[in-house]
Protein backbone atom coordinates (compact mmCIF):
# COMPACT_ATOMS: atom_id res chain seq x y z
CA MET A 1 -19.15 37.27 11.21
CA SER A 2 -21.62 35.53 13.48
CA ILE A 3 -21.15 31.91 12.43
CA ILE A 4 -23.58 29.30 13.74
CA TYR A 5 -23.58 25.57 12.98
CA ARG A 6 -26.81 23.64 13.39
CA GLN A 7 -28.34 20.34 12.37
CA ALA A 8 -30.15 20.33 9.07
CA SER A 9 -33.92 19.91 9.08
CA ILE A 10 -36.53 19.05 6.47
CA ASN A 11 -37.01 22.81 6.04
CA ASP A 12 -33.49 23.08 4.60
CA TYR A 13 -34.35 21.24 1.38
CA HIS A 14 -34.16 24.31 -0.89
CA PHE A 15 -30.83 25.39 0.58
CA LEU A 16 -29.45 21.87 0.20
CA ARG A 17 -30.51 21.98 -3.44
CA GLU A 18 -28.58 25.24 -3.82
CA MET A 19 -25.55 23.66 -2.14
CA LEU A 20 -25.81 20.57 -4.33
CA TYR A 21 -25.39 22.86 -7.34
CA GLU A 22 -22.35 24.46 -5.65
CA ALA A 23 -20.89 21.00 -5.05
CA LEU A 24 -20.98 20.06 -8.76
CA PHE A 25 -17.43 20.29 -10.07
CA VAL A 26 -16.74 22.29 -13.21
CA ALA A 27 -13.17 22.19 -14.50
CA GLU A 28 -11.35 25.49 -14.85
CA GLY A 29 -12.16 27.22 -18.12
CA LYS A 30 -15.40 25.30 -18.61
CA LYS A 31 -18.87 26.85 -18.66
CA PRO A 32 -20.99 26.40 -15.51
CA LEU A 33 -23.48 23.57 -15.67
CA PRO A 34 -27.10 24.56 -16.25
CA LYS A 35 -29.26 24.56 -13.12
CA SER A 36 -31.37 21.89 -14.79
CA THR A 37 -28.49 19.47 -14.08
CA LEU A 38 -30.00 19.22 -10.58
CA ASP A 39 -33.05 17.51 -12.10
CA LEU A 40 -31.06 14.62 -13.56
CA PRO A 41 -31.86 11.45 -11.58
CA GLU A 42 -28.17 10.71 -10.90
CA ILE A 43 -27.82 14.16 -9.30
CA SER A 44 -31.26 14.80 -7.80
CA LYS A 45 -31.09 11.58 -5.75
CA TYR A 46 -28.73 13.39 -3.38
CA ILE A 47 -31.64 15.55 -2.20
CA ASP A 48 -34.86 13.95 -3.46
CA ASN A 49 -37.24 13.34 -0.54
CA TRP A 50 -34.57 14.53 1.86
CA ALA A 51 -35.74 14.18 5.44
CA PRO A 52 -34.20 13.51 8.84
CA PRO A 53 -33.68 11.31 10.78
CA GLY A 54 -32.58 8.96 7.98
CA ASP A 55 -30.88 11.83 6.17
CA PHE A 56 -28.71 14.06 8.33
CA GLY A 57 -26.45 17.05 8.02
CA ILE A 58 -25.07 20.30 9.34
CA ILE A 59 -25.89 23.78 8.05
CA VAL A 60 -23.65 26.79 8.66
CA VAL A 61 -25.18 30.23 8.88
CA ASP A 62 -23.60 33.69 9.07
CA GLY A 63 -26.21 35.88 10.71
CA GLU A 64 -29.30 35.33 8.55
CA LYS A 65 -27.33 34.06 5.56
CA HIS A 66 -26.99 30.32 4.87
CA ILE A 67 -23.41 29.81 3.70
CA GLY A 68 -22.65 26.09 3.64
CA ALA A 69 -23.84 22.57 4.29
CA VAL A 70 -22.69 19.00 4.54
CA TRP A 71 -25.18 16.16 4.52
CA GLY A 72 -25.21 12.41 4.36
CA ARG A 73 -27.59 9.84 3.06
CA LEU A 74 -27.64 6.12 2.51
CA PHE A 75 -28.05 4.66 -0.95
CA LYS A 76 -29.16 1.19 -2.00
CA SER A 77 -27.05 -1.06 -4.19
CA ASN A 78 -29.60 -0.66 -6.99
CA ASN A 79 -29.42 3.16 -6.78
CA LYS A 80 -25.78 3.90 -5.99
CA GLY A 81 -24.37 7.37 -5.53
CA TYR A 82 -21.03 8.29 -7.10
CA GLY A 83 -19.21 7.63 -3.81
CA TYR A 84 -21.17 4.49 -2.92
CA ILE A 85 -19.41 1.90 -0.77
CA ASP A 86 -22.25 -0.10 0.73
CA GLU A 87 -25.79 0.25 2.09
CA LYS A 88 -24.51 0.99 5.63
CA THR A 89 -22.13 3.83 4.77
CA PRO A 90 -23.65 7.27 4.22
CA GLU A 91 -22.33 9.22 1.27
CA LEU A 92 -21.80 12.88 1.97
CA THR A 93 -22.21 16.00 -0.11
CA MET A 94 -20.61 19.26 0.94
CA ALA A 95 -20.37 22.84 -0.26
CA VAL A 96 -19.49 26.23 1.17
CA LYS A 97 -20.28 29.41 -0.73
CA ASN A 98 -17.22 30.73 -2.51
CA TYR A 99 -16.91 33.95 -0.48
CA TYR A 100 -16.60 31.92 2.75
CA ARG A 101 -14.01 29.38 1.57
CA ASN A 102 -10.48 29.15 3.00
CA ARG A 103 -11.54 30.50 6.40
CA GLY A 104 -11.73 27.23 8.33
CA ILE A 105 -15.52 27.11 8.04
CA GLY A 106 -15.49 23.97 5.88
CA ALA A 107 -13.15 22.17 8.27
CA GLU A 108 -15.38 22.95 11.24
CA LEU A 109 -18.46 22.00 9.23
CA MET A 110 -16.89 18.64 8.38
CA ARG A 111 -15.69 18.07 11.94
CA ARG A 112 -19.22 18.57 13.28
CA PHE A 113 -20.69 16.37 10.56
CA LEU A 114 -18.31 13.52 11.39
CA ILE A 115 -19.27 13.75 15.08
CA LEU A 116 -22.95 13.67 14.12
CA ALA A 117 -22.42 10.64 11.84
CA LYS A 118 -20.67 8.80 14.66
CA GLU A 119 -23.46 9.73 17.12
CA LYS A 120 -25.94 8.24 14.62
CA GLY A 121 -24.05 4.96 14.84
CA TYR A 122 -22.18 4.98 11.55
CA ASN A 123 -18.69 3.49 11.34
CA ALA A 124 -17.64 5.37 8.21
CA VAL A 125 -18.69 7.93 5.62
CA SER A 126 -17.82 8.14 1.93
CA LEU A 127 -17.70 10.64 -0.89
CA SER A 128 -16.74 11.07 -4.51
CA VAL A 129 -14.57 13.93 -5.74
CA ASP A 130 -13.00 14.84 -9.06
CA LYS A 131 -9.21 14.63 -8.83
CA ARG A 132 -8.92 18.13 -10.34
CA ASN A 133 -11.15 19.62 -7.64
CA ARG A 134 -9.26 21.48 -4.90
CA ALA A 135 -11.69 19.87 -2.48
CA ALA A 136 -9.84 16.55 -2.99
CA ASN A 137 -6.90 17.96 -1.02
CA PHE A 138 -9.28 19.29 1.62
CA TYR A 139 -10.78 15.82 2.12
CA LEU A 140 -7.35 14.18 2.26
CA GLY A 141 -6.31 16.78 4.85
CA MET A 142 -9.41 15.96 6.90
CA GLY A 143 -8.33 12.31 7.02
CA PHE A 144 -10.27 10.72 4.18
CA LYS A 145 -8.50 7.85 2.40
CA ILE A 146 -8.72 7.09 -1.32
CA ILE A 147 -10.28 3.65 -1.67
CA ASN A 148 -10.95 3.69 -5.40
CA GLU A 149 -9.53 5.69 -8.27
CA ALA A 150 -11.21 5.98 -11.64
CA GLU A 151 -10.06 8.04 -14.59
CA THR A 152 -10.84 11.46 -13.10
CA VAL A 153 -12.51 10.60 -9.79
CA TYR A 154 -11.57 9.44 -6.32
CA THR A 155 -13.93 7.52 -4.06
CA MET A 156 -12.90 8.35 -0.50
CA LYS A 157 -13.80 6.92 2.87
CA MET A 158 -13.26 7.97 6.44
CA LEU A 159 -13.56 5.56 9.33
CA LEU A 160 -15.24 7.13 12.35
C-alpha cells in the first residue's frame, strides 16, 4: 500500500459523491439504498456546489485508487444538515471504502481533517450518526461527544 493523504479540491466532486453514498447508513439485513438517494435535497446538500476554500476536506489515495474522504461544510439555519449545531460549526461527512476499513486509515484521515479544520479557524466540528452504525464507536473513540440523542441518531461534536 502506498497511502497518501491530501487536501480535497474542486476536482474531487465526483469522488465525494461516491463517498457520500458510502456514508449513508443501511441497517444490517436491509437492502442498499438506490443511488438516486444522492439526488434528494436533504442528502445532495452535503456535496452540491462543493468548492474550497469554504468547503474543505482530506482525500486518501492508495496508489492511483481513491479510497476515502472526510469533508466539512457549513450549513445555514434555514438549510440544516442532520448534524447541524450552528452556522459557525462545519458538519463533516466521512467514508472509507469497505476493503480499507479497520486498518487505521480512517483514524489518520480524521486526525488530519481535525488539524485542517483548526487551521481554518474553526473551534469545533459536528456530525450525525445512526446509533446502530459501527462508526458511532469510531467517532466516540476519536473524542467526539454526544450532544443530542434522537430515536436512532446521535449528533456529535468535537471541540478543536
